[in-house]
Amino acid sequence: MNDTIPGASASRSSDPRVVLITGASGGIGRATVALFASQGWRVIGVDRNDFGADFPQPGRFIQADISRGDHLEHIFEQASAFSGYLNALVNNAALQVSKPLLETSVEEWDAVMASNLRSVFLSVKLAHPLFKAADGGAIVNVSSVHAVATSANIAAYAASKGGLLALTRAMAIEFAPDNIRVNAILPGAVDTPMLRAGLDRGHLGGSTITQRLDNLARKTVNGRIGQPAEIAHAIYFLADATQSSFMTGQALVVDGGATARLSTE
């Protein structure tokens, strides 16, 4: 009996799987690095901030800015030298500007788009030969619930994440002949430095971070804020062909039920 999963990579079966994760030093990124490494993957981590001395080995950390095209070229040159192939790419790095649209400058708008959207477009083009060398793989784009339901004073971020969702569908169609699956994950409120930094938008009330976090937690159906490790497990599900081999072009919402509830309730 042939138990091969359709769409799974057939070559390099004896080689360790390799994943490249951007935004590796942040909350979700760091949890994702740890999970993939614990499952035996070799991890290439990328972030503009230093990861620290505990990056899992054998792996490679590259300190670079994914909003810059020349940095991305360097990143994938390093990835090619490290393994010569990729089984998964997790586009997780993001920039958030929290201010009213009328107060957002062109420079801030462009910076968000460069980090959150253009970087994915360029990364996928540069990663494609490495996926071909592995006979396929999986791309996981970390979008956001702001792609489908948003709030005030976060327009640039919401627009970039909505664009990422559309780009995910387009890439899934174009890359299917190359045995590359492309999906997106849409996290809701997750306790990360980015979330905490955005709590001053005035949409939650409360005079302290703790009060604002508690108010935010009450808005989810589950009654709590998500943890980075929970998002990491969802990312792993989409990246691992043994678990999600028949999924491509899809948006997986992981938000504690926040988008399931009517805002007028």
C-alpha atoms as a PDB file:
ATOM      1  CA  MET A   1       0.000   0.000   0.000  1.00  0.00           C
ATOM      2  CA  ASN A   2       1.272   3.476  -0.879  1.00  0.00           C
ATOM      3  CA  ASP A   3       0.824   5.758   2.132  1.00  0.00           C
ATOM      4  CA  THR A   4       2.424   8.814   0.516  1.00  0.00           C
ATOM      5  CA  ILE A   5       0.387  11.956   1.137  1.00  0.00           C
ATOM      6  CA  PRO A   6      -0.447  13.750  -2.123  1.00  0.00           C
ATOM      7  CA  GLY A   7       1.295  17.116  -2.224  1.00  0.00           C
ATOM      8  CA  ALA A   8       4.002  16.164   0.255  1.00  0.00           C
ATOM      9  CA  SER A   9       7.614  16.700  -0.772  1.00  0.00           C
ATOM     10  CA  ALA A  10       9.069  13.526  -2.215  1.00  0.00           C
ATOM     11  CA  SER A  11      12.777  14.413  -2.340  1.00  0.00           C
ATOM     12  CA  ARG A  12      15.324  14.867   0.446  1.00  0.00           C
ATOM     13  CA  SER A  13      13.275  12.492   2.590  1.00  0.00           C
ATOM     14  CA  SER A  14      16.325  11.642   4.670  1.00  0.00           C
ATOM     15  CA  ASP A  15      17.393  15.260   5.127  1.00  0.00           C
ATOM     16  CA  PRO A  16      16.216  17.413   8.041  1.00  0.00           C
ATOM     17  CA  ARG A  17      13.389  19.789   7.215  1.00  0.00           C
ATOM     18  CA  VAL A  18      14.373  23.443   7.045  1.00  0.00           C
ATOM     19  CA  VAL A  19      12.187  26.448   7.858  1.00  0.00           C
ATOM     20  CA  LEU A  20      12.900  30.171   7.568  1.00  0.00           C
ATOM     21  CA  ILE A  21      10.997  32.333  10.075  1.00  0.00           C
ATOM     22  CA  THR A  22      10.965  36.132   9.929  1.00  0.00           C
ATOM     23  CA  GLY A  23      10.249  38.227  13.001  1.00  0.00           C
ATOM     24  CA  ALA A  24      12.023  35.492  14.947  1.00  0.00           C
ATOM     25  CA  SER A  25      12.877  37.609  17.988  1.00  0.00           C
ATOM     26  CA  GLY A  26       9.303  38.727  18.737  1.00  0.00           C
ATOM     27  CA  GLY A  27       6.641  36.998  20.792  1.00  0.00           C
ATOM     28  CA  ILE A  28       5.036  34.789  18.135  1.00  0.00           C
ATOM     29  CA  GLY A  29       8.284  34.412  16.201  1.00  0.00           C
ATOM     30  CA  ARG A  30      10.268  33.234  19.205  1.00  0.00           C
ATOM     31  CA  ALA A  31       7.592  30.689  20.127  1.00  0.00           C
ATOM     32  CA  THR A  32       7.492  29.462  16.524  1.00  0.00           C
ATOM     33  CA  VAL A  33      11.277  29.060  16.401  1.00  0.00           C
ATOM     34  CA  ALA A  34      11.165  26.979  19.589  1.00  0.00           C
ATOM     35  CA  LEU A  35       8.333  24.750  18.345  1.00  0.00           C
ATOM     36  CA  PHE A  36       9.875  23.949  14.966  1.00  0.00           C
ATOM     37  CA  ALA A  37      13.239  23.238  16.581  1.00  0.00           C
ATOM     38  CA  SER A  38      11.601  20.906  19.104  1.00  0.00           C
ATOM     39  CA  GLN A  39      10.121  18.943  16.202  1.00  0.00           C
ATOM     40  CA  GLY A  40      13.520  18.374  14.613  1.00  0.00           C
ATOM     41  CA  TRP A  41      13.461  21.131  12.001  1.00  0.00           C
ATOM     42  CA  ARG A  42      16.570  23.170  11.274  1.00  0.00           C
ATOM     43  CA  VAL A  43      15.551  26.779  11.773  1.00  0.00           C
ATOM     44  CA  ILE A  44      16.767  29.905  10.022  1.00  0.00           C
ATOM     45  CA  GLY A  45      15.573  32.897  12.023  1.00  0.00           C
ATOM     46  CA  VAL A  46      15.481  36.482  10.778  1.00  0.00           C
ATOM     47  CA  ASP A  47      14.860  39.691  12.719  1.00  0.00           C
ATOM     48  CA  ARG A  48      16.102  43.263  12.828  1.00  0.00           C
ATOM     49  CA  ASN A  49      16.582  42.770  16.592  1.00  0.00           C
ATOM     50  CA  ASP A  50      19.072  40.362  18.104  1.00  0.00           C
ATOM     51  CA  PHE A  51      17.681  36.995  19.205  1.00  0.00           C
ATOM     52  CA  GLY A  52      20.222  36.332  21.950  1.00  0.00           C
ATOM     53  CA  ALA A  53      22.613  33.482  22.589  1.00  0.00           C
ATOM     54  CA  ASP A  54      19.974  30.767  22.854  1.00  0.00           C
ATOM     55  CA  PHE A  55      19.016  30.373  19.188  1.00  0.00           C
ATOM     56  CA  PRO A  56      18.445  26.628  18.672  1.00  0.00           C
ATOM     57  CA  GLN A  57      21.242  24.658  17.071  1.00  0.00           C
ATOM     58  CA  PRO A  58      21.912  23.450  14.467  1.00  0.00           C
ATOM     59  CA  GLY A  59      20.336  26.584  13.054  1.00  0.00           C
ATOM     60  CA  ARG A  60      21.206  30.067  11.895  1.00  0.00           C
ATOM     61  CA  PHE A  61      20.075  33.498  13.009  1.00  0.00           C
ATOM     62  CA  ILE A  62      20.369  36.391  10.547  1.00  0.00           C
ATOM     63  CA  GLN A  63      19.995  39.928  11.851  1.00  0.00           C
ATOM     64  CA  ALA A  64      18.515  41.921   8.988  1.00  0.00           C
ATOM     65  CA  ASP A  65      15.664  44.253   8.020  1.00  0.00           C
ATOM     66  CA  ILE A  66      13.118  42.502   5.786  1.00  0.00           C
ATOM     67  CA  SER A  67      11.702  45.837   4.640  1.00  0.00           C
ATOM     68  CA  ARG A  68      14.878  46.351   2.592  1.00  0.00           C
ATOM     69  CA  GLY A  69      15.329  44.503  -0.677  1.00  0.00           C
ATOM     70  CA  ASP A  70      19.124  44.286  -0.375  1.00  0.00           C
ATOM     71  CA  HIS A  71      18.768  42.747   3.089  1.00  0.00           C
ATOM     72  CA  LEU A  72      16.327  40.159   1.742  1.00  0.00           C
ATOM     73  CA  GLU A  73      18.754  39.180  -0.991  1.00  0.00           C
ATOM     74  CA  HIS A  74      21.428  38.682   1.677  1.00  0.00           C
ATOM     75  CA  ILE A  75      19.022  36.644   3.815  1.00  0.00           C
ATOM     76  CA  PHE A  76      18.256  34.166   1.054  1.00  0.00           C
ATOM     77  CA  GLU A  77      21.876  33.960  -0.031  1.00  0.00           C
ATOM     78  CA  GLN A  78      22.615  32.901   3.551  1.00  0.00           C
ATOM     79  CA  ALA A  79      19.712  30.450   3.523  1.00  0.00           C
ATOM     80  CA  SER A  80      20.943  28.899   0.306  1.00  0.00           C
ATOM     81  CA  ALA A  81      24.441  28.509   1.731  1.00  0.00           C
ATOM     82  CA  PHE A  82      23.021  27.018   4.944  1.00  0.00           C
ATOM     83  CA  SER A  83      20.949  24.222   3.430  1.00  0.00           C
ATOM     84  CA  GLY A  84      20.383  24.677  -0.303  1.00  0.00           C
ATOM     85  CA  TYR A  85      16.636  24.083   0.114  1.00  0.00           C
ATOM     86  CA  LEU A  86      13.593  25.156   2.120  1.00  0.00           C
ATOM     87  CA  ASN A  87      10.595  23.127   3.261  1.00  0.00           C
ATOM     88  CA  ALA A  88       8.722  26.019   4.845  1.00  0.00           C
ATOM     89  CA  LEU A  89       8.725  29.808   4.980  1.00  0.00           C
ATOM     90  CA  VAL A  90       6.924  31.654   7.772  1.00  0.00           C
ATOM     91  CA  ASN A  91       6.400  35.322   6.926  1.00  0.00           C
ATOM     92  CA  ASN A  92       5.796  36.592  10.438  1.00  0.00           C
ATOM     93  CA  ALA A  93       7.663  39.919  10.751  1.00  0.00           C
ATOM     94  CA  ALA A  94       5.450  43.011  10.894  1.00  0.00           C
ATOM     95  CA  LEU A  95       5.374  46.693  11.704  1.00  0.00           C
ATOM     96  CA  GLN A  96       2.403  48.429  13.307  1.00  0.00           C
ATOM     97  CA  VAL A  97       1.634  52.152  13.305  1.00  0.00           C
ATOM     98  CA  SER A  98      -1.132  53.026  15.763  1.00  0.00           C
ATOM     99  CA  LYS A  99      -2.527  56.450  14.933  1.00  0.00           C
ATOM    100  CA  PRO A 100      -5.482  58.008  13.099  1.00  0.00           C
ATOM    101  CA  LEU A 101      -5.378  57.734   9.326  1.00  0.00           C
ATOM    102  CA  LEU A 102      -5.375  61.526   8.939  1.00  0.00           C
ATOM    103  CA  GLU A 103      -2.275  61.719  11.136  1.00  0.00           C
ATOM    104  CA  THR A 104      -0.425  58.902   9.365  1.00  0.00           C
ATOM    105  CA  SER A 105       2.365  60.211   7.165  1.00  0.00           C
ATOM    106  CA  VAL A 106       3.222  58.855   3.726  1.00  0.00           C
ATOM    107  CA  GLU A 107       6.533  57.686   5.159  1.00  0.00           C
ATOM    108  CA  GLU A 108       4.785  55.728   7.933  1.00  0.00           C
ATOM    109  CA  TRP A 109       2.311  54.216   5.475  1.00  0.00           C
ATOM    110  CA  ASP A 110       5.129  53.154   3.151  1.00  0.00           C
ATOM    111  CA  ALA A 111       7.146  51.699   6.046  1.00  0.00           C
ATOM    112  CA  VAL A 112       4.215  49.495   7.090  1.00  0.00           C
ATOM    113  CA  MET A 113       3.641  48.290   3.535  1.00  0.00           C
ATOM    114  CA  ALA A 114       7.348  47.599   3.030  1.00  0.00           C
ATOM    115  CA  SER A 115       7.562  45.512   6.192  1.00  0.00           C
ATOM    116  CA  ASN A 116       4.210  43.719   6.072  1.00  0.00           C
ATOM    117  CA  LEU A 117       3.441  43.263   2.383  1.00  0.00           C
ATOM    118  CA  ARG A 118       6.275  44.055  -0.007  1.00  0.00           C
ATOM    119  CA  SER A 119       8.671  41.930   2.062  1.00  0.00           C
ATOM    120  CA  VAL A 120       6.460  38.880   1.540  1.00  0.00           C
ATOM    121  CA  PHE A 121       6.281  39.474  -2.216  1.00  0.00           C
ATOM    122  CA  LEU A 122      10.074  39.700  -2.427  1.00  0.00           C
ATOM    123  CA  SER A 123      10.759  36.877   0.043  1.00  0.00           C
ATOM    124  CA  VAL A 124       8.601  34.437  -1.865  1.00  0.00           C
ATOM    125  CA  LYS A 125      10.346  35.257  -5.142  1.00  0.00           C
ATOM    126  CA  LEU A 126      13.734  34.704  -3.528  1.00  0.00           C
ATOM    127  CA  ALA A 127      12.618  31.551  -1.702  1.00  0.00           C
ATOM    128  CA  HIS A 128      11.093  29.911  -4.776  1.00  0.00           C
ATOM    129  CA  PRO A 129      14.342  28.265  -6.034  1.00  0.00           C
ATOM    130  CA  LEU A 130      14.921  26.810  -2.570  1.00  0.00           C
ATOM    131  CA  PHE A 131      11.405  25.328  -2.560  1.00  0.00           C
ATOM    132  CA  LYS A 132      12.002  23.902  -6.021  1.00  0.00           C
ATOM    133  CA  ALA A 133      15.159  22.239  -4.699  1.00  0.00           C
ATOM    134  CA  ALA A 134      12.998  20.519  -2.065  1.00  0.00           C
ATOM    135  CA  ASP A 135      10.277  19.527  -4.575  1.00  0.00           C
ATOM    136  CA  GLY A 136       7.813  21.824  -2.844  1.00  0.00           C
ATOM    137  CA  GLY A 137       6.865  22.941   0.617  1.00  0.00           C
ATOM    138  CA  ALA A 138       4.657  25.363   2.503  1.00  0.00           C
ATOM    139  CA  ILE A 139       4.424  29.111   2.968  1.00  0.00           C
ATOM    140  CA  VAL A 140       2.604  30.466   6.021  1.00  0.00           C
ATOM    141  CA  ASN A 141       1.797  34.176   5.990  1.00  0.00           C
ATOM    142  CA  VAL A 142       0.993  35.674   9.374  1.00  0.00           C
ATOM    143  CA  SER A 143      -1.845  38.079   8.631  1.00  0.00           C
ATOM    144  CA  SER A 144      -4.234  39.332  11.331  1.00  0.00           C
ATOM    145  CA  VAL A 145      -7.895  39.497  12.256  1.00  0.00           C
ATOM    146  CA  HIS A 146      -7.514  43.157  11.246  1.00  0.00           C
ATOM    147  CA  ALA A 147      -7.623  41.835   7.675  1.00  0.00           C
ATOM    148  CA  VAL A 148     -11.321  40.990   8.130  1.00  0.00           C
ATOM    149  CA  ALA A 149     -12.517  43.139  11.068  1.00  0.00           C
ATOM    150  CA  THR A 150     -10.635  46.127  12.381  1.00  0.00           C
ATOM    151  CA  SER A 151     -10.862  49.168  14.657  1.00  0.00           C
ATOM    152  CA  ALA A 152      -9.909  52.829  14.757  1.00  0.00           C
ATOM    153  CA  ASN A 153      -6.397  54.207  14.483  1.00  0.00           C
ATOM    154  CA  ILE A 154      -4.736  51.212  12.862  1.00  0.00           C
ATOM    155  CA  ALA A 155      -5.586  51.699   9.173  1.00  0.00           C
ATOM    156  CA  ALA A 156      -2.138  51.154   7.649  1.00  0.00           C
ATOM    157  CA  TYR A 157      -1.655  47.890   9.533  1.00  0.00           C
ATOM    158  CA  ALA A 158      -5.151  46.654   8.647  1.00  0.00           C
ATOM    159  CA  ALA A 159      -4.648  47.504   4.968  1.00  0.00           C
ATOM    160  CA  SER A 160      -1.327  45.677   4.845  1.00  0.00           C
ATOM    161  CA  LYS A 161      -2.772  42.567   6.482  1.00  0.00           C
ATOM    162  CA  GLY A 162      -5.778  42.604   4.153  1.00  0.00           C
ATOM    163  CA  GLY A 163      -3.418  42.817   1.203  1.00  0.00           C
ATOM    164  CA  LEU A 164      -1.440  39.902   2.614  1.00  0.00           C
ATOM    165  CA  LEU A 165      -4.591  37.802   2.708  1.00  0.00           C
ATOM    166  CA  ALA A 166      -5.297  38.497  -0.972  1.00  0.00           C
ATOM    167  CA  LEU A 167      -1.664  37.829  -1.844  1.00  0.00           C
ATOM    168  CA  THR A 168      -1.895  34.480  -0.052  1.00  0.00           C
ATOM    169  CA  ARG A 169      -4.737  33.359  -2.328  1.00  0.00           C
ATOM    170  CA  ALA A 170      -2.933  34.550  -5.454  1.00  0.00           C
ATOM    171  CA  MET A 171       0.278  32.748  -4.497  1.00  0.00           C
ATOM    172  CA  ALA A 172      -1.600  29.549  -3.687  1.00  0.00           C
ATOM    173  CA  ILE A 173      -2.975  29.486  -7.227  1.00  0.00           C
ATOM    174  CA  GLU A 174       0.310  30.299  -8.932  1.00  0.00           C
ATOM    175  CA  PHE A 175       2.503  27.966  -6.864  1.00  0.00           C
ATOM    176  CA  ALA A 176       0.253  24.892  -6.808  1.00  0.00           C
ATOM    177  CA  PRO A 177       1.993  23.401  -9.908  1.00  0.00           C
ATOM    178  CA  ASP A 178       5.278  23.607  -7.960  1.00  0.00           C
ATOM    179  CA  ASN A 179       3.831  21.638  -5.025  1.00  0.00           C
ATOM    180  CA  ILE A 180       3.990  24.711  -2.786  1.00  0.00           C
ATOM    181  CA  ARG A 181       1.040  25.273  -0.474  1.00  0.00           C
ATOM    182  CA  VAL A 182       0.340  28.841   0.702  1.00  0.00           C
ATOM    183  CA  ASN A 183      -1.913  29.636   3.649  1.00  0.00           C
ATOM    184  CA  ALA A 184      -2.426  32.476   6.092  1.00  0.00           C
ATOM    185  CA  ILE A 185      -3.017  32.568   9.801  1.00  0.00           C
ATOM    186  CA  LEU A 186      -5.034  35.428  11.318  1.00  0.00           C
ATOM    187  CA  PRO A 187      -4.163  35.838  14.994  1.00  0.00           C
ATOM    188  CA  GLY A 188      -6.413  37.852  17.254  1.00  0.00           C
ATOM    189  CA  ALA A 189      -5.310  39.376  20.543  1.00  0.00           C
ATOM    190  CA  VAL A 190      -2.082  37.643  21.554  1.00  0.00           C
ATOM    191  CA  ASP A 191       0.104  38.748  24.440  1.00  0.00           C
ATOM    192  CA  THR A 192       3.129  40.075  22.552  1.00  0.00           C
ATOM    193  CA  PRO A 193       5.227  43.251  22.751  1.00  0.00           C
ATOM    194  CA  MET A 194       3.407  44.536  19.632  1.00  0.00           C
ATOM    195  CA  LEU A 195       0.006  44.065  21.263  1.00  0.00           C
ATOM    196  CA  ARG A 196       1.088  45.826  24.442  1.00  0.00           C
ATOM    197  CA  ALA A 197       2.595  48.699  22.468  1.00  0.00           C
ATOM    198  CA  GLY A 198      -0.722  49.225  20.680  1.00  0.00           C
ATOM    199  CA  LEU A 199      -2.876  49.359  23.812  1.00  0.00           C
ATOM    200  CA  ASP A 200      -2.652  53.141  23.966  1.00  0.00           C
ATOM    201  CA  ARG A 201      -5.066  53.664  21.061  1.00  0.00           C
ATOM    202  CA  GLY A 202      -7.870  54.473  23.516  1.00  0.00           C
ATOM    203  CA  HIS A 203     -10.169  51.685  22.320  1.00  0.00           C
ATOM    204  CA  LEU A 204     -10.139  49.630  25.523  1.00  0.00           C
ATOM    205  CA  GLY A 205     -10.260  51.989  28.486  1.00  0.00           C
ATOM    206  CA  GLY A 206      -8.256  51.497  31.647  1.00  0.00           C
ATOM    207  CA  SER A 207      -5.382  53.512  33.036  1.00  0.00           C
ATOM    208  CA  THR A 208      -2.847  50.670  33.253  1.00  0.00           C
ATOM    209  CA  ILE A 209      -1.591  47.957  30.893  1.00  0.00           C
ATOM    210  CA  THR A 210      -3.098  45.290  33.148  1.00  0.00           C
ATOM    211  CA  GLN A 211      -6.534  46.940  33.076  1.00  0.00           C
ATOM    212  CA  ARG A 212      -6.397  47.300  29.301  1.00  0.00           C
ATOM    213  CA  LEU A 213      -5.375  43.667  28.873  1.00  0.00           C
ATOM    214  CA  ASP A 214      -8.239  42.583  31.122  1.00  0.00           C
ATOM    215  CA  ASN A 215     -10.709  44.707  29.140  1.00  0.00           C
ATOM    216  CA  LEU A 216      -9.404  43.225  25.899  1.00  0.00           C
ATOM    217  CA  ALA A 217      -9.690  39.682  27.255  1.00  0.00           C
ATOM    218  CA  ARG A 218     -13.361  40.228  28.063  1.00  0.00           C
ATOM    219  CA  LYS A 219     -14.035  41.019  24.404  1.00  0.00           C
ATOM    220  CA  THR A 220     -13.080  37.496  23.283  1.00  0.00           C
ATOM    221  CA  VAL A 221     -15.492  34.588  23.463  1.00  0.00           C
ATOM    222  CA  ASN A 222     -12.912  32.568  25.379  1.00  0.00           C
ATOM    223  CA  GLY A 223     -12.520  35.395  27.874  1.00  0.00           C
ATOM    224  CA  ARG A 224      -8.751  35.578  27.649  1.00  0.00           C
ATOM    225  CA  ILE A 225      -5.864  36.743  25.485  1.00  0.00           C
ATOM    226  CA  GLY A 226      -3.974  34.211  23.414  1.00  0.00           C
ATOM    227  CA  GLN A 227      -0.411  33.118  24.081  1.00  0.00           C
ATOM    228  CA  PRO A 228       2.352  33.091  21.442  1.00  0.00           C
ATOM    229  CA  ALA A 229       2.767  29.316  21.716  1.00  0.00           C
ATOM    230  CA  GLU A 230      -0.873  28.828  20.683  1.00  0.00           C
ATOM    231  CA  ILE A 231      -0.261  30.750  17.461  1.00  0.00           C
ATOM    232  CA  ALA A 232       2.980  28.839  16.897  1.00  0.00           C
ATOM    233  CA  HIS A 233       1.081  25.545  16.972  1.00  0.00           C
ATOM    234  CA  ALA A 234      -1.373  26.829  14.362  1.00  0.00           C
ATOM    235  CA  ILE A 235       1.529  27.956  12.164  1.00  0.00           C
ATOM    236  CA  TYR A 236       3.128  24.533  12.530  1.00  0.00           C
ATOM    237  CA  PHE A 237      -0.121  22.860  11.528  1.00  0.00           C
ATOM    238  CA  LEU A 238      -0.176  24.803   8.258  1.00  0.00           C
ATOM    239  CA  ALA A 239       3.529  24.245   7.564  1.00  0.00           C
ATOM    240  CA  ASP A 240       3.574  20.497   8.222  1.00  0.00           C
ATOM    241  CA  ALA A 241       2.346  18.632   5.148  1.00  0.00           C
ATOM    242  CA  THR A 242       1.455  15.571   7.208  1.00  0.00           C
ATOM    243  CA  GLN A 243      -1.271  17.608   8.942  1.00  0.00           C
ATOM    244  CA  SER A 244      -2.536  20.100   6.348  1.00  0.00           C
ATOM    245  CA  SER A 245      -1.618  18.573   2.988  1.00  0.00           C
ATOM    246  CA  PHE A 246      -5.015  19.384   1.390  1.00  0.00           C
ATOM    247  CA  MET A 247      -5.070  23.026   2.506  1.00  0.00           C
ATOM    248  CA  THR A 248      -3.931  25.910   0.353  1.00  0.00           C
ATOM    249  CA  GLY A 249      -5.122  29.468  -0.199  1.00  0.00           C
ATOM    250  CA  GLN A 250      -6.896  29.462   3.150  1.00  0.00           C
ATOM    251  CA  ALA A 251      -7.165  31.853   6.088  1.00  0.00           C
ATOM    252  CA  LEU A 252      -7.070  30.231   9.523  1.00  0.00           C
ATOM    253  CA  VAL A 253      -8.477  32.548  12.212  1.00  0.00           C
ATOM    254  CA  VAL A 254      -7.085  32.007  15.707  1.00  0.00           C
ATOM    255  CA  ASP A 255      -8.668  34.716  17.848  1.00  0.00           C
ATOM    256  CA  GLY A 256     -10.435  33.160  20.829  1.00  0.00           C
ATOM    257  CA  GLY A 257     -13.735  33.647  19.016  1.00  0.00           C
ATOM    258  CA  ALA A 258     -13.453  37.453  18.900  1.00  0.00           C
ATOM    259  CA  THR A 259     -14.654  37.748  15.286  1.00  0.00           C
ATOM    260  CA  ALA A 260     -17.532  35.336  15.917  1.00  0.00           C
ATOM    261  CA  ARG A 261     -19.385  37.841  18.098  1.00  0.00           C
ATOM    262  CA  LEU A 262     -21.439  40.747  16.722  1.00  0.00           C
ATOM    263  CA  SER A 263     -19.974  44.101  17.646  1.00  0.00           C
ATOM    264  CA  THR A 264     -23.498  45.261  18.530  1.00  0.00           C
ATOM    265  CA  GLU A 265     -24.034  42.467  21.059  1.00  0.00           C
END
